[in-house]
Every structure is written in C-alpha cells, then in structure tokens.
Protein backbone atom coordinates (compact mmCIF):
# COMPACT_ATOMS: atom_id res chain seq x y z
CA UNK A 1 95.19 70.27 85.63
CA UNK A 2 94.23 72.66 82.84
CA UNK A 3 96.73 75.19 81.51
CA UNK A 4 94.61 77.96 83.09
CA UNK A 5 94.79 76.22 86.48
CA UNK A 6 98.56 75.82 86.08
CA UNK A 7 98.92 79.49 85.16
CA UNK A 8 96.90 80.65 88.15
CA UNK A 9 98.89 78.31 90.44
CA UNK A 10 102.24 79.78 89.29
CA UNK A 11 103.30 76.55 87.58
CA UNK A 12 104.78 76.22 84.10
CA UNK A 13 101.95 76.43 81.58
CA UNK A 14 101.50 76.45 77.80
CA UNK A 15 100.72 80.04 76.81
CA UNK A 16 99.58 78.78 73.40
CA UNK A 17 96.77 76.71 74.94
CA UNK A 18 93.44 77.29 73.11
CA UNK A 19 91.54 78.19 76.30
CA UNK A 20 94.15 80.79 77.28
CA UNK A 21 94.20 82.18 73.74
CA UNK A 22 90.40 82.53 73.87
CA UNK A 23 90.58 84.34 77.21
CA UNK A 24 93.21 86.75 75.82
CA UNK A 25 91.00 87.39 72.79
CA UNK A 26 88.07 88.19 75.11
CA UNK A 27 90.23 90.71 76.97
CA UNK A 28 91.59 92.20 73.75
CA UNK A 29 88.03 92.76 72.45
CA UNK A 30 86.88 94.35 75.72
CA UNK A 31 89.90 96.68 75.70
CA UNK A 32 89.27 97.56 72.04
CA UNK A 33 85.63 98.44 72.76
CA UNK A 34 86.65 100.63 75.68
CA UNK A 35 89.56 102.27 73.85
CA UNK A 36 87.39 103.08 70.82
CA UNK A 37 85.07 105.19 73.01
CA UNK A 38 86.59 105.71 76.47
CA UNK A 39 83.79 106.92 78.69
CA UNK A 40 82.29 106.09 82.08
CA UNK A 41 79.55 104.16 80.28
CA UNK A 42 82.03 102.08 78.32
CA UNK A 43 83.99 101.23 81.47
CA UNK A 44 81.54 98.30 81.70
CA UNK A 45 83.75 96.43 79.22
CA UNK A 46 86.71 96.68 81.59
CA UNK A 47 84.66 96.04 84.75
CA UNK A 48 83.57 92.70 83.28
CA UNK A 49 87.21 91.70 82.97
CA UNK A 50 88.74 92.87 86.25
CA UNK A 51 88.59 90.76 89.39
CA UNK A 52 87.78 93.86 91.46
CA UNK A 53 87.69 97.53 90.52
CA UNK A 54 87.29 100.58 92.67
CA UNK A 55 86.93 104.04 91.15
CA UNK A 56 89.35 104.50 88.29
CA UNK A 57 90.19 106.33 85.10
CA UNK A 58 91.82 104.51 82.21
CA UNK A 59 93.04 106.67 79.37
CA UNK A 60 92.86 105.22 75.84
CA UNK A 61 95.35 102.60 74.78
CA UNK A 62 94.83 100.43 77.86
CA UNK A 63 95.64 96.73 77.30
CA UNK A 64 95.63 93.62 79.46
CA UNK A 65 96.13 89.89 78.91
CA UNK A 66 93.18 88.45 80.80
CA UNK A 67 91.82 91.10 83.19
CA UNK A 68 90.53 88.44 85.57
CA UNK A 69 93.72 88.66 87.64
CA UNK A 70 93.64 92.45 88.08
CA UNK A 71 92.48 94.00 91.36
CA UNK A 72 92.30 97.80 91.48
CA UNK A 73 91.53 99.97 94.49
CA UNK A 74 89.90 103.40 94.57
CA UNK A 75 91.22 106.52 92.83
CA UNK A 76 93.33 104.56 90.33
CA UNK A 77 94.58 106.42 87.27
CA UNK A 78 96.30 104.86 84.26
CA UNK A 79 97.52 107.36 81.68
CA UNK A 80 97.68 106.64 77.93
CA UNK A 81 99.03 103.33 76.57
CA UNK A 82 99.35 101.40 79.84
CA UNK A 83 99.74 97.60 79.60
CA UNK A 84 98.99 95.12 82.41
CA UNK A 85 99.97 91.54 81.54
CA UNK A 86 98.09 89.63 84.19
CA UNK A 87 98.81 85.91 83.90
CA UNK A 88 99.27 86.14 87.69
CA UNK A 89 97.52 88.59 90.03
CA UNK A 90 98.22 92.30 89.71
CA UNK A 91 97.02 93.90 92.93
CA UNK A 92 96.88 97.69 92.94
CA UNK A 93 95.97 99.69 96.04
CA UNK A 94 94.13 102.98 96.43
CA UNK A 95 95.40 106.30 95.07
CA UNK A 96 97.84 104.76 92.58
CA UNK A 97 98.87 106.76 89.52
CA UNK A 98 100.46 105.29 86.39
CA UNK A 99 102.16 107.61 83.93
CA UNK A 100 101.81 107.08 80.18
CA UNK A 101 103.17 103.85 78.78
CA UNK A 102 103.63 102.07 82.10
CA UNK A 103 103.87 98.30 81.68
CA UNK A 104 103.32 95.76 84.44
CA UNK A 105 104.37 92.21 83.60
CA UNK A 106 103.57 89.03 85.51
CA UNK A 107 104.46 86.61 82.69
CA UNK A 108 107.94 85.14 82.67
CA UNK A 109 109.78 82.60 80.58
CA UNK A 110 112.25 79.81 81.37
CA UNK A 111 115.94 80.40 80.78
CA UNK A 112 116.06 77.12 78.80
CA UNK A 113 115.62 77.88 75.08
CA UNK A 114 114.03 74.50 74.35
CA UNK A 115 111.27 75.14 76.88
CA UNK A 116 110.67 78.63 75.44
CA UNK A 117 110.30 77.11 71.94
CA UNK A 118 107.53 74.91 73.35
CA UNK A 119 105.58 77.95 74.57
CA UNK A 120 106.30 77.29 78.24
CA UNK A 121 105.65 80.28 80.52
CA UNK A 122 105.15 80.88 84.21
CA UNK A 123 103.81 83.88 86.07
CA UNK A 124 104.54 85.69 89.32
CA UNK A 125 102.24 88.29 90.93
CA UNK A 126 102.92 92.02 91.14
CA UNK A 127 101.63 94.04 94.10
CA UNK A 128 101.46 97.84 94.27
CA UNK A 129 100.50 99.33 97.64
CA UNK A 130 98.46 102.48 98.31
CA UNK A 131 99.65 105.91 97.23
CA UNK A 132 102.24 104.78 94.68
CA UNK A 133 103.19 106.93 91.71
CA UNK A 134 104.82 105.26 88.70
CA UNK A 135 106.42 107.51 86.09
CA UNK A 136 105.88 107.26 82.36
CA UNK A 137 107.46 104.37 80.52
CA UNK A 138 108.34 102.44 83.66
CA UNK A 139 108.31 98.64 83.50
CA UNK A 140 107.55 96.44 86.52
CA UNK A 141 108.86 92.90 86.09
CA UNK A 142 107.26 89.68 87.36
CA UNK A 143 107.19 89.10 91.10
CA UNK A 144 107.92 92.62 92.36
CA UNK A 145 106.11 94.42 95.17
CA UNK A 146 106.02 98.19 95.54
CA UNK A 147 105.54 99.57 99.05
CA UNK A 148 103.10 102.24 100.16
CA UNK A 149 103.91 105.79 99.06
CA UNK A 150 106.81 104.74 96.83
CA UNK A 151 107.69 106.55 93.62
CA UNK A 152 109.03 104.86 90.50
CA UNK A 153 110.90 107.17 88.13
CA UNK A 154 110.10 107.53 84.45
CA UNK A 155 111.52 104.74 82.27
CA UNK A 156 112.71 102.75 85.30
CA UNK A 157 112.86 98.97 84.99
CA UNK A 158 111.80 97.59 88.37
CA UNK A 159 113.59 94.28 88.93
CA UNK A 160 113.29 94.04 92.73
CA UNK A 161 110.89 94.92 95.53
CA UNK A 162 110.59 98.63 96.30
CA UNK A 163 110.28 99.63 99.97
CA UNK A 164 107.63 101.87 101.51
CA UNK A 165 108.25 105.53 100.54
CA UNK A 166 111.32 104.56 98.48
CA UNK A 167 112.15 106.49 95.33
CA UNK A 168 113.30 104.04 92.64
CA UNK A 169 115.02 105.24 89.47
C-alpha cells in the first residue's frame, strides 16, 4: 500500500512521503495562484483541487493540504485566512459560512513521541452539514461532525460532534 492509500484509508501513514509532499506542493501552488488574484476566473485553480465544488466564495488567504479530499456544497463562503487540512475527507454541505481564520483539521498524530519523530500521522474525516455557521478563529479537530443548522462560536475549539441546531462555544 502506498502512503497516499494508507492516508485515504485512515491508517497510519508517513506524512513526509515524497508523493504526499508533491501533492501538498501542488495544492500550495494552486492556492497561491488563486490568492494572488482571487476572482471567479481564478477559481479554476481551486476547482482543479477539490473533489466536488458547488457555488462558493473563497476570500484571499485560503489554504489546503491536498484539496482532493474536500467536498463543498452550494452557497459556501470562506472568509479571509481559512485553512482546510484535508488528509481525510472534509465534507461541507450547502449554505455553510466560515468566519475569518477558521481552521478545519483532519490530520492527527500518535500520542507516542517515537512515532511522531518518524513522521507518522493518521487522519479522520470532518463533516459539516447544511446551514452551519462557524465563527471567526474557530478550530474543528479531526473526526468531528457538525449537525445541520448548528452554530460554532468565534474562537471555539470543536473537540466533539455538534448536534443539529446546537450552539457550540
């Protein structure tokens, strides 16, 4: 199994693997091209990365690891400086709004320091249902799901699943 296949399968993988590093570089370049001149025409650089993309607006400063694991519904808005680390799927429904500086993380690391020194990582998906609003500076940690209509407060660190229509601070 390649490190990419391990990553996608949720197994421990080597994040320093040359193929994964090349894929991250590809995403970094696409994001840089878009961020240098954010416009509907330059959205093509992001569309090439994402798994699926409905209608969306990405303000400058957008970053992602790979892009290939990101699925975005319609009417998605990501304010300035949003980061989506997508070693596992990030699935975002329709009518989702991200405040500035929102970070969504799927990458995780073993508790064992020796494994971390070796570059071992694993990833767990993040799912955000329709109609969710996430306040500025919020961080969503690996493996969480956010239910339909939920609100995440500014600067919240989401460490557990958030229920439908729940307000999480």
